[in-house]
Amino acid sequence: MPHAIFTNPQIASVGYTEQELKDKKINYAVGKYNYIDTGMGQAIEEKEGFVKILVEKSTGKILGCHIIGHEASTLIHEVIIAIKSGSGTIDNITNSVHIHPSLSEVVQRAANSSI
């Protein structure tokens, strides 16, 4: 069940945490990307925000995503849609064109770093 916490910074999450995957002994990969390493992240000076995506290694299935930072509650929707539509794999994000500069690039770059 996706959820968001409207603090400063915002926190949003969907799916499993790393600890849950470790407990279940699921083989997973982690993709992580910092907001500040994108053009829009630099423009808004978001120094602490990041996106972390958890992906099943053998299938590319998205197992979870955790976002802390500006507009996290909005950015998590791209991952929710990717999980629920099509193949449910990381390809749903990595193969999509993202506007540059935009904050959604941080989601795509986290996804790219998981493969």
PDB file of N, CA and C in Angstrom:
ATOM      1  N   MET A   1       0.851  -1.179   0.000  1.00  0.00           N
ATOM      2  CA  MET A   1       0.000   0.000   0.000  1.00  0.00           C
ATOM      3  C   MET A   1       0.896   1.241   0.000  1.00  0.00           C
ATOM      4  N   PRO A   2       0.796   2.065  -1.022  1.00  0.00           N
ATOM      5  CA  PRO A   2       1.609   3.281  -1.054  1.00  0.00           C
ATOM      6  C   PRO A   2       1.181   4.245   0.050  1.00  0.00           C
ATOM      7  N   HIS A   3       2.126   5.033   0.499  1.00  0.00           N
ATOM      8  CA  HIS A   3       1.796   6.040   1.503  1.00  0.00           C
ATOM      9  C   HIS A   3       2.775   7.209   1.406  1.00  0.00           C
ATOM     10  N   ALA A   4       2.360   8.322   1.983  1.00  0.00           N
ATOM     11  CA  ALA A   4       3.218   9.518   2.018  1.00  0.00           C
ATOM     12  C   ALA A   4       3.061  10.189   3.371  1.00  0.00           C
ATOM     13  N   ILE A   5       4.126  10.825   3.793  1.00  0.00           N
ATOM     14  CA  ILE A   5       4.123  11.609   5.021  1.00  0.00           C
ATOM     15  C   ILE A   5       4.478  13.036   4.619  1.00  0.00           C
ATOM     16  N   PHE A   6       3.588  13.948   4.946  1.00  0.00           N
ATOM     17  CA  PHE A   6       3.728  15.328   4.479  1.00  0.00           C
ATOM     18  C   PHE A   6       4.506  16.173   5.478  1.00  0.00           C
ATOM     19  N   THR A   7       5.756  15.772   5.666  1.00  0.00           N
ATOM     20  CA  THR A   7       6.686  16.505   6.508  1.00  0.00           C
ATOM     21  C   THR A   7       7.605  17.300   5.590  1.00  0.00           C
ATOM     22  N   ASN A   8       8.581  17.932   6.160  1.00  0.00           N
ATOM     23  CA  ASN A   8       9.586  18.617   5.360  1.00  0.00           C
ATOM     24  C   ASN A   8      10.943  18.039   5.730  1.00  0.00           C
ATOM     25  N   PRO A   9      11.525  17.190   4.896  1.00  0.00           N
ATOM     26  CA  PRO A   9      11.097  16.811   3.541  1.00  0.00           C
ATOM     27  C   PRO A   9       9.969  15.774   3.568  1.00  0.00           C
ATOM     28  N   GLN A  10       9.282  15.673   2.445  1.00  0.00           N
ATOM     29  CA  GLN A  10       8.246  14.654   2.301  1.00  0.00           C
ATOM     30  C   GLN A  10       8.884  13.269   2.233  1.00  0.00           C
ATOM     31  N   ILE A  11       8.106  12.265   2.639  1.00  0.00           N
ATOM     32  CA  ILE A  11       8.534  10.870   2.570  1.00  0.00           C
ATOM     33  C   ILE A  11       7.422  10.100   1.877  1.00  0.00           C
ATOM     34  N   ALA A  12       7.776   9.270   0.912  1.00  0.00           N
ATOM     35  CA  ALA A  12       6.781   8.446   0.225  1.00  0.00           C
ATOM     36  C   ALA A  12       7.369   7.068  -0.010  1.00  0.00           C
ATOM     37  N   SER A  13       6.498   6.068  -0.005  1.00  0.00           N
ATOM     38  CA  SER A  13       6.978   4.705  -0.115  1.00  0.00           C
ATOM     39  C   SER A  13       5.894   3.811  -0.707  1.00  0.00           C
ATOM     40  N   VAL A  14       6.356   2.750  -1.363  1.00  0.00           N
ATOM     41  CA  VAL A  14       5.463   1.707  -1.852  1.00  0.00           C
ATOM     42  C   VAL A  14       6.253   0.398  -1.834  1.00  0.00           C
ATOM     43  N   GLY A  15       5.598  -0.683  -1.490  1.00  0.00           N
ATOM     44  CA  GLY A  15       6.231  -1.995  -1.547  1.00  0.00           C
ATOM     45  C   GLY A  15       7.100  -2.314  -0.354  1.00  0.00           C
ATOM     46  N   TYR A  16       8.001  -3.267  -0.586  1.00  0.00           N
ATOM     47  CA  TYR A  16       8.860  -3.786   0.468  1.00  0.00           C
ATOM     48  C   TYR A  16       9.968  -2.818   0.861  1.00  0.00           C
ATOM     49  N   THR A  17      10.451  -2.975   2.100  1.00  0.00           N
ATOM     50  CA  THR A  17      11.675  -2.316   2.545  1.00  0.00           C
ATOM     51  C   THR A  17      12.826  -3.292   2.340  1.00  0.00           C
ATOM     52  N   GLU A  18      14.041  -2.795   2.425  1.00  0.00           N
ATOM     53  CA  GLU A  18      15.203  -3.680   2.298  1.00  0.00           C
ATOM     54  C   GLU A  18      15.210  -4.735   3.400  1.00  0.00           C
ATOM     55  N   GLN A  19      14.855  -4.344   4.610  1.00  0.00           N
ATOM     56  CA  GLN A  19      14.858  -5.302   5.713  1.00  0.00           C
ATOM     57  C   GLN A  19      13.869  -6.437   5.457  1.00  0.00           C
ATOM     58  N   GLU A  20      12.696  -6.113   4.932  1.00  0.00           N
ATOM     59  CA  GLU A  20      11.712  -7.150   4.619  1.00  0.00           C
ATOM     60  C   GLU A  20      12.239  -8.106   3.554  1.00  0.00           C
ATOM     61  N   LEU A  21      12.926  -7.578   2.548  1.00  0.00           N
ATOM     62  CA  LEU A  21      13.488  -8.429   1.492  1.00  0.00           C
ATOM     63  C   LEU A  21      14.595  -9.321   2.047  1.00  0.00           C
ATOM     64  N   LYS A  22      15.419  -8.786   2.931  1.00  0.00           N
ATOM     65  CA  LYS A  22      16.466  -9.591   3.572  1.00  0.00           C
ATOM     66  C   LYS A  22      15.845 -10.702   4.405  1.00  0.00           C
ATOM     67  N   ASP A  23      14.814 -10.370   5.180  1.00  0.00           N
ATOM     68  CA  ASP A  23      14.137 -11.363   6.013  1.00  0.00           C
ATOM     69  C   ASP A  23      13.523 -12.482   5.181  1.00  0.00           C
ATOM     70  N   LYS A  24      13.011 -12.138   3.981  1.00  0.00           N
ATOM     71  CA  LYS A  24      12.395 -13.123   3.096  1.00  0.00           C
ATOM     72  C   LYS A  24      13.417 -13.818   2.199  1.00  0.00           C
ATOM     73  N   LYS A  25      14.690 -13.393   2.318  1.00  0.00           N
ATOM     74  CA  LYS A  25      15.786 -13.959   1.523  1.00  0.00           C
ATOM     75  C   LYS A  25      15.544 -13.833   0.017  1.00  0.00           C
ATOM     76  N   ILE A  26      15.018 -12.681  -0.363  1.00  0.00           N
ATOM     77  CA  ILE A  26      14.782 -12.380  -1.782  1.00  0.00           C
ATOM     78  C   ILE A  26      16.025 -11.709  -2.339  1.00  0.00           C
ATOM     79  N   ASN A  27      16.485 -12.183  -3.490  1.00  0.00           N
ATOM     80  CA  ASN A  27      17.666 -11.626  -4.146  1.00  0.00           C
ATOM     81  C   ASN A  27      17.253 -10.357  -4.891  1.00  0.00           C
ATOM     82  N   TYR A  28      17.748  -9.217  -4.422  1.00  0.00           N
ATOM     83  CA  TYR A  28      17.316  -7.945  -4.991  1.00  0.00           C
ATOM     84  C   TYR A  28      18.507  -7.032  -5.281  1.00  0.00           C
ATOM     85  N   ALA A  29      18.253  -6.051  -6.132  1.00  0.00           N
ATOM     86  CA  ALA A  29      19.229  -5.005  -6.438  1.00  0.00           C
ATOM     87  C   ALA A  29      18.667  -3.680  -5.950  1.00  0.00           C
ATOM     88  N   VAL A  30      19.562  -2.760  -5.641  1.00  0.00           N
ATOM     89  CA  VAL A  30      19.170  -1.430  -5.173  1.00  0.00           C
ATOM     90  C   VAL A  30      19.616  -0.395  -6.199  1.00  0.00           C
ATOM     91  N   GLY A  31      18.696   0.461  -6.582  1.00  0.00           N
ATOM     92  CA  GLY A  31      19.023   1.624  -7.391  1.00  0.00           C
ATOM     93  C   GLY A  31      18.777   2.855  -6.548  1.00  0.00           C
ATOM     94  N   LYS A  32      19.755   3.729  -6.460  1.00  0.00           N
ATOM     95  CA  LYS A  32      19.601   4.931  -5.640  1.00  0.00           C
ATOM     96  C   LYS A  32      20.164   6.128  -6.391  1.00  0.00           C
ATOM     97  N   TYR A  33      19.461   7.248  -6.259  1.00  0.00           N
ATOM     98  CA  TYR A  33      19.928   8.462  -6.923  1.00  0.00           C
ATOM     99  C   TYR A  33      19.533   9.668  -6.077  1.00  0.00           C
ATOM    100  N   ASN A  34      20.442  10.612  -5.962  1.00  0.00           N
ATOM    101  CA  ASN A  34      20.206  11.827  -5.177  1.00  0.00           C
ATOM    102  C   ASN A  34      19.587  12.918  -6.044  1.00  0.00           C
ATOM    103  N   TYR A  35      18.653  13.643  -5.470  1.00  0.00           N
ATOM    104  CA  TYR A  35      18.023  14.756  -6.174  1.00  0.00           C
ATOM    105  C   TYR A  35      19.080  15.727  -6.715  1.00  0.00           C
ATOM    106  N   ILE A  36      20.063  16.065  -5.893  1.00  0.00           N
ATOM    107  CA  ILE A  36      21.034  17.107  -6.236  1.00  0.00           C
ATOM    108  C   ILE A  36      21.849  16.749  -7.480  1.00  0.00           C
ATOM    109  N   ASP A  37      21.855  15.487  -7.861  1.00  0.00           N
ATOM    110  CA  ASP A  37      22.605  15.050  -9.039  1.00  0.00           C
ATOM    111  C   ASP A  37      21.794  15.168 -10.332  1.00  0.00           C
ATOM    112  N   THR A  38      20.652  15.851 -10.259  1.00  0.00           N
ATOM    113  CA  THR A  38      19.853  16.150 -11.454  1.00  0.00           C
ATOM    114  C   THR A  38      19.821  17.662 -11.648  1.00  0.00           C
ATOM    115  N   GLY A  39      19.500  18.082 -12.856  1.00  0.00           N
ATOM    116  CA  GLY A  39      19.417  19.515 -13.144  1.00  0.00           C
ATOM    117  C   GLY A  39      18.389  20.221 -12.278  1.00  0.00           C
ATOM    118  N   MET A  40      17.205  19.632 -12.136  1.00  0.00           N
ATOM    119  CA  MET A  40      16.167  20.271 -11.330  1.00  0.00           C
ATOM    120  C   MET A  40      16.515  20.218  -9.847  1.00  0.00           C
ATOM    121  N   GLY A  41      17.140  19.131  -9.412  1.00  0.00           N
ATOM    122  CA  GLY A  41      17.578  19.044  -8.020  1.00  0.00           C
ATOM    123  C   GLY A  41      18.559  20.154  -7.676  1.00  0.00           C
ATOM    124  N   GLN A  42      19.443  20.469  -8.616  1.00  0.00           N
ATOM    125  CA  GLN A  42      20.381  21.575  -8.412  1.00  0.00           C
ATOM    126  C   GLN A  42      19.651  22.912  -8.426  1.00  0.00           C
ATOM    127  N   ALA A  43      18.682  23.058  -9.332  1.00  0.00           N
ATOM    128  CA  ALA A  43      17.950  24.323  -9.442  1.00  0.00           C
ATOM    129  C   ALA A  43      17.180  24.643  -8.161  1.00  0.00           C
ATOM    130  N   ILE A  44      16.603  23.609  -7.534  1.00  0.00           N
ATOM    131  CA  ILE A  44      15.842  23.847  -6.302  1.00  0.00           C
ATOM    132  C   ILE A  44      16.698  23.646  -5.050  1.00  0.00           C
ATOM    133  N   GLU A  45      17.971  23.329  -5.265  1.00  0.00           N
ATOM    134  CA  GLU A  45      18.946  23.137  -4.182  1.00  0.00           C
ATOM    135  C   GLU A  45      18.485  22.079  -3.171  1.00  0.00           C
ATOM    136  N   GLU A  46      18.006  20.968  -3.692  1.00  0.00           N
ATOM    137  CA  GLU A  46      17.552  19.836  -2.864  1.00  0.00           C
ATOM    138  C   GLU A  46      18.753  18.945  -2.576  1.00  0.00           C
ATOM    139  N   LYS A  47      19.407  19.188  -1.437  1.00  0.00           N
ATOM    140  CA  LYS A  47      20.668  18.516  -1.111  1.00  0.00           C
ATOM    141  C   LYS A  47      20.488  17.192  -0.393  1.00  0.00           C
ATOM    142  N   GLU A  48      19.349  16.961   0.224  1.00  0.00           N
ATOM    143  CA  GLU A  48      19.175  15.756   1.032  1.00  0.00           C
ATOM    144  C   GLU A  48      18.272  14.701   0.390  1.00  0.00           C
ATOM    145  N   GLY A  49      17.507  15.066  -0.610  1.00  0.00           N
ATOM    146  CA  GLY A  49      16.536  14.154  -1.185  1.00  0.00           C
ATOM    147  C   GLY A  49      17.161  13.037  -2.001  1.00  0.00           C
ATOM    148  N   PHE A  50      16.483  11.888  -2.018  1.00  0.00           N
ATOM    149  CA  PHE A  50      16.933  10.755  -2.828  1.00  0.00           C
ATOM    150  C   PHE A  50      15.759   9.833  -3.136  1.00  0.00           C
ATOM    151  N   VAL A  51      15.968   8.988  -4.140  1.00  0.00           N
ATOM    152  CA  VAL A  51      15.043   7.927  -4.506  1.00  0.00           C
ATOM    153  C   VAL A  51      15.807   6.612  -4.406  1.00  0.00           C
ATOM    154  N   LYS A  52      15.191   5.616  -3.779  1.00  0.00           N
ATOM    155  CA  LYS A  52      15.776   4.277  -3.703  1.00  0.00           C
ATOM    156  C   LYS A  52      14.747   3.286  -4.223  1.00  0.00           C
ATOM    157  N   ILE A  53      15.130   2.513  -5.235  1.00  0.00           N
ATOM    158  CA  ILE A  53      14.255   1.509  -5.833  1.00  0.00           C
ATOM    159  C   ILE A  53      14.845   0.129  -5.575  1.00  0.00           C
ATOM    160  N   LEU A  54      13.985  -0.795  -5.182  1.00  0.00           N
ATOM    161  CA  LEU A  54      14.373  -2.179  -4.919  1.00  0.00           C
ATOM    162  C   LEU A  54      13.779  -3.060  -6.001  1.00  0.00           C
ATOM    163  N   VAL A  55      14.638  -3.851  -6.653  1.00  0.00           N
ATOM    164  CA  VAL A  55      14.238  -4.618  -7.836  1.00  0.00           C
ATOM    165  C   VAL A  55      14.680  -6.066  -7.682  1.00  0.00           C
ATOM    166  N   GLU A  56      13.802  -7.002  -8.026  1.00  0.00           N
ATOM    167  CA  GLU A  56      14.180  -8.417  -8.031  1.00  0.00           C
ATOM    168  C   GLU A  56      15.223  -8.631  -9.122  1.00  0.00           C
ATOM    169  N   LYS A  57      16.374  -9.204  -8.757  1.00  0.00           N
ATOM    170  CA  LYS A  57      17.491  -9.327  -9.701  1.00  0.00           C
ATOM    171  C   LYS A  57      17.154 -10.184 -10.917  1.00  0.00           C
ATOM    172  N   SER A  58      16.474 -11.291 -10.725  1.00  0.00           N
ATOM    173  CA  SER A  58      16.264 -12.227 -11.838  1.00  0.00           C
ATOM    174  C   SER A  58      15.216 -11.758 -12.841  1.00  0.00           C
ATOM    175  N   THR A  59      14.246 -10.953 -12.399  1.00  0.00           N
ATOM    176  CA  THR A  59      13.138 -10.585 -13.273  1.00  0.00           C
ATOM    177  C   THR A  59      13.035  -9.095 -13.583  1.00  0.00           C
ATOM    178  N   GLY A  60      13.674  -8.266 -12.778  1.00  0.00           N
ATOM    179  CA  GLY A  60      13.530  -6.821 -12.936  1.00  0.00           C
ATOM    180  C   GLY A  60      12.251  -6.281 -12.336  1.00  0.00           C
ATOM    181  N   LYS A  61      11.491  -7.138 -11.652  1.00  0.00           N
ATOM    182  CA  LYS A  61      10.230  -6.715 -11.032  1.00  0.00           C
ATOM    183  C   LYS A  61      10.521  -5.707  -9.925  1.00  0.00           C
ATOM    184  N   ILE A  62       9.760  -4.614  -9.913  1.00  0.00           N
ATOM    185  CA  ILE A  62       9.912  -3.591  -8.885  1.00  0.00           C
ATOM    186  C   ILE A  62       9.296  -4.132  -7.588  1.00  0.00           C
ATOM    187  N   LEU A  63      10.102  -4.186  -6.549  1.00  0.00           N
ATOM    188  CA  LEU A  63       9.656  -4.721  -5.262  1.00  0.00           C
ATOM    189  C   LEU A  63       9.328  -3.621  -4.261  1.00  0.00           C
ATOM    190  N   GLY A  64       9.909  -2.460  -4.440  1.00  0.00           N
ATOM    191  CA  GLY A  64       9.659  -1.350  -3.523  1.00  0.00           C
ATOM    192  C   GLY A  64      10.357  -0.093  -3.986  1.00  0.00           C
ATOM    193  N   CYS A  65       9.900   1.019  -3.449  1.00  0.00           N
ATOM    194  CA  CYS A  65      10.527   2.305  -3.745  1.00  0.00           C
ATOM    195  C   CYS A  65      10.301   3.222  -2.548  1.00  0.00           C
ATOM    196  N   HIS A  66      11.341   3.969  -2.210  1.00  0.00           N
ATOM    197  CA  HIS A  66      11.289   4.877  -1.073  1.00  0.00           C
ATOM    198  C   HIS A  66      11.896   6.202  -1.503  1.00  0.00           C
ATOM    199  N   ILE A  67      11.158   7.274  -1.265  1.00  0.00           N
ATOM    200  CA  ILE A  67      11.585   8.601  -1.699  1.00  0.00           C
ATOM    201  C   ILE A  67      11.527   9.551  -0.512  1.00  0.00           C
ATOM    202  N   ILE A  68      12.596  10.284  -0.327  1.00  0.00           N
ATOM    203  CA  ILE A  68      12.629  11.353   0.663  1.00  0.00           C
ATOM    204  C   ILE A  68      13.066  12.610  -0.063  1.00  0.00           C
ATOM    205  N   GLY A  69      12.237  13.655   0.008  1.00  0.00           N
ATOM    206  CA  GLY A  69      12.599  14.913  -0.629  1.00  0.00           C
ATOM    207  C   GLY A  69      11.387  15.653  -1.155  1.00  0.00           C
ATOM    208  N   HIS A  70      11.681  16.751  -1.809  1.00  0.00           N
ATOM    209  CA  HIS A  70      10.672  17.634  -2.391  1.00  0.00           C
ATOM    210  C   HIS A  70       9.740  16.842  -3.322  1.00  0.00           C
ATOM    211  N   GLU A  71       8.425  16.995  -3.116  1.00  0.00           N
ATOM    212  CA  GLU A  71       7.405  16.363  -3.963  1.00  0.00           C
ATOM    213  C   GLU A  71       7.481  14.832  -4.001  1.00  0.00           C
ATOM    214  N   ALA A  72       7.995  14.215  -2.949  1.00  0.00           N
ATOM    215  CA  ALA A  72       8.060  12.746  -2.894  1.00  0.00           C
ATOM    216  C   ALA A  72       6.682  12.122  -3.080  1.00  0.00           C
ATOM    217  N   SER A  73       5.665  12.757  -2.517  1.00  0.00           N
ATOM    218  CA  SER A  73       4.301  12.222  -2.622  1.00  0.00           C
ATOM    219  C   SER A  73       3.792  12.221  -4.059  1.00  0.00           C
ATOM    220  N   THR A  74       4.310  13.072  -4.899  1.00  0.00           N
ATOM    221  CA  THR A  74       3.953  13.095  -6.315  1.00  0.00           C
ATOM    222  C   THR A  74       4.835  12.142  -7.117  1.00  0.00           C
ATOM    223  N   LEU A  75       6.129  12.145  -6.844  1.00  0.00           N
ATOM    224  CA  LEU A  75       7.069  11.311  -7.599  1.00  0.00           C
ATOM    225  C   LEU A  75       6.795   9.822  -7.438  1.00  0.00           C
ATOM    226  N   ILE A  76       6.282   9.394  -6.293  1.00  0.00           N
ATOM    227  CA  ILE A  76       6.044   7.970  -6.055  1.00  0.00           C
ATOM    228  C   ILE A  76       5.000   7.411  -7.022  1.00  0.00           C
ATOM    229  N   HIS A  77       4.149   8.269  -7.568  1.00  0.00           N
ATOM    230  CA  HIS A  77       3.099   7.791  -8.475  1.00  0.00           C
ATOM    231  C   HIS A  77       3.650   7.134  -9.735  1.00  0.00           C
ATOM    232  N   GLU A  78       4.770   7.624 -10.241  1.00  0.00           N
ATOM    233  CA  GLU A  78       5.367   6.997 -11.422  1.00  0.00           C
ATOM    234  C   GLU A  78       5.716   5.543 -11.120  1.00  0.00           C
ATOM    235  N   VAL A  79       6.226   5.293  -9.938  1.00  0.00           N
ATOM    236  CA  VAL A  79       6.608   3.934  -9.550  1.00  0.00           C
ATOM    237  C   VAL A  79       5.361   3.079  -9.313  1.00  0.00           C
ATOM    238  N   ILE A  80       4.350   3.642  -8.689  1.00  0.00           N
ATOM    239  CA  ILE A  80       3.100   2.904  -8.460  1.00  0.00           C
ATOM    240  C   ILE A  80       2.512   2.448  -9.794  1.00  0.00           C
ATOM    241  N   ILE A  81       2.480   3.337 -10.763  1.00  0.00           N
ATOM    242  CA  ILE A  81       1.946   2.987 -12.084  1.00  0.00           C
ATOM    243  C   ILE A  81       2.813   1.930 -12.747  1.00  0.00           C
ATOM    244  N   ALA A  82       4.124   2.065 -12.630  1.00  0.00           N
ATOM    245  CA  ALA A  82       5.038   1.073 -13.224  1.00  0.00           C
ATOM    246  C   ALA A  82       4.833  -0.308 -12.605  1.00  0.00           C
ATOM    247  N   ILE A  83       4.554  -0.358 -11.313  1.00  0.00           N
ATOM    248  CA  ILE A  83       4.319  -1.637 -10.635  1.00  0.00           C
ATOM    249  C   ILE A  83       3.010  -2.266 -11.100  1.00  0.00           C
ATOM    250  N   LYS A  84       1.982  -1.463 -11.241  1.00  0.00           N
ATOM    251  CA  LYS A  84       0.641  -1.978 -11.517  1.00  0.00           C
ATOM    252  C   LYS A  84       0.308  -2.137 -12.995  1.00  0.00           C
ATOM    253  N   SER A  85       1.076  -1.517 -13.873  1.00  0.00           N
ATOM    254  CA  SER A  85       0.733  -1.602 -15.293  1.00  0.00           C
ATOM    255  C   SER A  85       1.799  -2.368 -16.054  1.00  0.00           C
ATOM    256  N   GLY A  86       1.443  -2.838 -17.189  1.00  0.00           N
ATOM    257  CA  GLY A  86       2.411  -3.525 -18.040  1.00  0.00           C
ATOM    258  C   GLY A  86       3.052  -4.701 -17.335  1.00  0.00           C
ATOM    259  N   SER A  87       4.358  -4.787 -17.446  1.00  0.00           N
ATOM    260  CA  SER A  87       5.102  -5.922 -16.912  1.00  0.00           C
ATOM    261  C   SER A  87       5.376  -5.801 -15.421  1.00  0.00           C
ATOM    262  N   GLY A  88       5.233  -4.605 -14.837  1.00  0.00           N
ATOM    263  CA  GLY A  88       5.553  -4.396 -13.430  1.00  0.00           C
ATOM    264  C   GLY A  88       7.045  -4.365 -13.165  1.00  0.00           C
ATOM    265  N   THR A  89       7.816  -4.237 -14.249  1.00  0.00           N
ATOM    266  CA  THR A  89       9.276  -4.269 -14.108  1.00  0.00           C
ATOM    267  C   THR A  89       9.876  -2.868 -14.208  1.00  0.00           C
ATOM    268  N   ILE A  90      11.141  -2.822 -13.901  1.00  0.00           N
ATOM    269  CA  ILE A  90      11.899  -1.580 -13.946  1.00  0.00           C
ATOM    270  C   ILE A  90      11.935  -1.000 -15.363  1.00  0.00           C
ATOM    271  N   ASP A  91      11.734  -1.860 -16.372  1.00  0.00           N
ATOM    272  CA  ASP A  91      11.718  -1.398 -17.765  1.00  0.00           C
ATOM    273  C   ASP A  91      10.625  -0.366 -18.020  1.00  0.00           C
ATOM    274  N   ASN A  92       9.534  -0.441 -17.265  1.00  0.00           N
ATOM    275  CA  ASN A  92       8.452   0.530 -17.432  1.00  0.00           C
ATOM    276  C   ASN A  92       8.929   1.949 -17.133  1.00  0.00           C
ATOM    277  N   ILE A  93       9.956   2.078 -16.313  1.00  0.00           N
ATOM    278  CA  ILE A  93      10.509   3.399 -15.993  1.00  0.00           C
ATOM    279  C   ILE A  93      11.717   3.713 -16.866  1.00  0.00           C
ATOM    280  N   THR A  94      12.624   2.757 -16.992  1.00  0.00           N
ATOM    281  CA  THR A  94      13.878   3.032 -17.712  1.00  0.00           C
ATOM    282  C   THR A  94      13.659   3.289 -19.193  1.00  0.00           C
ATOM    283  N   ASN A  95      12.624   2.700 -19.774  1.00  0.00           N
ATOM    284  CA  ASN A  95      12.358   2.870 -21.205  1.00  0.00           C
ATOM    285  C   ASN A  95      11.472   4.066 -21.519  1.00  0.00           C
ATOM    286  N   SER A  96      11.079   4.829 -20.496  1.00  0.00           N
ATOM    287  CA  SER A  96      10.237   6.012 -20.701  1.00  0.00           C
ATOM    288  C   SER A  96      11.106   7.253 -20.866  1.00  0.00           C
ATOM    289  N   VAL A  97      10.655   8.151 -21.711  1.00  0.00           N
ATOM    290  CA  VAL A  97      11.348   9.419 -21.896  1.00  0.00           C
ATOM    291  C   VAL A  97      10.901  10.364 -20.783  1.00  0.00           C
ATOM    292  N   HIS A  98      11.860  10.995 -20.131  1.00  0.00           N
ATOM    293  CA  HIS A  98      11.578  11.952 -19.069  1.00  0.00           C
ATOM    294  C   HIS A  98      12.019  13.343 -19.515  1.00  0.00           C
ATOM    295  N   ILE A  99      11.248  14.328 -19.163  1.00  0.00           N
ATOM    296  CA  ILE A  99      11.561  15.713 -19.514  1.00  0.00           C
ATOM    297  C   ILE A  99      12.804  16.157 -18.755  1.00  0.00           C
ATOM    298  N   HIS A 100      13.654  16.921 -19.448  1.00  0.00           N
ATOM    299  CA  HIS A 100      14.852  17.471 -18.813  1.00  0.00           C
ATOM    300  C   HIS A 100      14.829  18.984 -18.928  1.00  0.00           C
ATOM    301  N   PRO A 101      15.081  19.691 -17.865  1.00  0.00           N
ATOM    302  CA  PRO A 101      15.244  19.187 -16.511  1.00  0.00           C
ATOM    303  C   PRO A 101      13.885  19.053 -15.832  1.00  0.00           C
ATOM    304  N   SER A 102      13.696  17.971 -15.124  1.00  0.00           N
ATOM    305  CA  SER A 102      12.503  17.787 -14.304  1.00  0.00           C
ATOM    306  C   SER A 102      12.870  16.933 -13.105  1.00  0.00           C
ATOM    307  N   LEU A 103      12.089  17.060 -12.078  1.00  0.00           N
ATOM    308  CA  LEU A 103      12.370  16.304 -10.864  1.00  0.00           C
ATOM    309  C   LEU A 103      12.154  14.813 -11.077  1.00  0.00           C
ATOM    310  N   SER A 104      11.285  14.444 -12.016  1.00  0.00           N
ATOM    311  CA  SER A 104      11.032  13.020 -12.261  1.00  0.00           C
ATOM    312  C   SER A 104      12.264  12.288 -12.793  1.00  0.00           C
ATOM    313  N   GLU A 105      13.252  13.023 -13.271  1.00  0.00           N
ATOM    314  CA  GLU A 105      14.492  12.384 -13.724  1.00  0.00           C
ATOM    315  C   GLU A 105      15.172  11.614 -12.603  1.00  0.00           C
ATOM    316  N   VAL A 106      14.994  12.037 -11.371  1.00  0.00           N
ATOM    317  CA  VAL A 106      15.638  11.342 -10.253  1.00  0.00           C
ATOM    318  C   VAL A 106      15.074   9.931 -10.112  1.00  0.00           C
ATOM    319  N   VAL A 107      13.786   9.739 -10.430  1.00  0.00           N
ATOM    320  CA  VAL A 107      13.180   8.406 -10.384  1.00  0.00           C
ATOM    321  C   VAL A 107      13.781   7.551 -11.491  1.00  0.00           C
ATOM    322  N   GLN A 108      13.852   8.084 -12.694  1.00  0.00           N
ATOM    323  CA  GLN A 108      14.412   7.327 -13.811  1.00  0.00           C
ATOM    324  C   GLN A 108      15.878   6.967 -13.571  1.00  0.00           C
ATOM    325  N   ARG A 109      16.636   7.882 -13.033  1.00  0.00           N
ATOM    326  CA  ARG A 109      18.051   7.604 -12.811  1.00  0.00           C
ATOM    327  C   ARG A 109      18.269   6.590 -11.696  1.00  0.00           C
ATOM    328  N   ALA A 110      17.414   6.601 -10.687  1.00  0.00           N
ATOM    329  CA  ALA A 110      17.476   5.563  -9.656  1.00  0.00           C
ATOM    330  C   ALA A 110      17.163   4.209 -10.286  1.00  0.00           C
ATOM    331  N   ALA A 111      16.147   4.186 -11.151  1.00  0.00           N
ATOM    332  CA  ALA A 111      15.790   2.946 -11.852  1.00  0.00           C
ATOM    333  C   ALA A 111      16.947   2.452 -12.714  1.00  0.00           C
ATOM    334  N   ASN A 112      17.571   3.362 -13.447  1.00  0.00           N
ATOM    335  CA  ASN A 112      18.712   2.990 -14.297  1.00  0.00           C
ATOM    336  C   ASN A 112      19.871   2.421 -13.476  1.00  0.00           C
ATOM    337  N   SER A 113      20.064   2.933 -12.286  1.00  0.00           N
ATOM    338  CA  SER A 113      21.187   2.473 -11.474  1.00  0.00           C
ATOM    339  C   SER A 113      20.925   1.129 -10.813  1.00  0.00           C
ATOM    340  N   SER A 114      19.703   0.612 -10.938  1.00  0.00           N
ATOM    341  CA  SER A 114      19.376  -0.700 -10.337  1.00  0.00           C
ATOM    342  C   SER A 114      19.679  -1.861 -11.280  1.00  0.00           C
ATOM    343  N   ILE A 115      19.935  -1.545 -12.561  1.00  0.00           N
ATOM    344  CA  ILE A 115      20.148  -2.633 -13.531  1.00  0.00           C
ATOM    345  C   ILE A 115      21.605  -2.758 -13.925  1.00  0.00           C
TER     346      ILE A 115
END
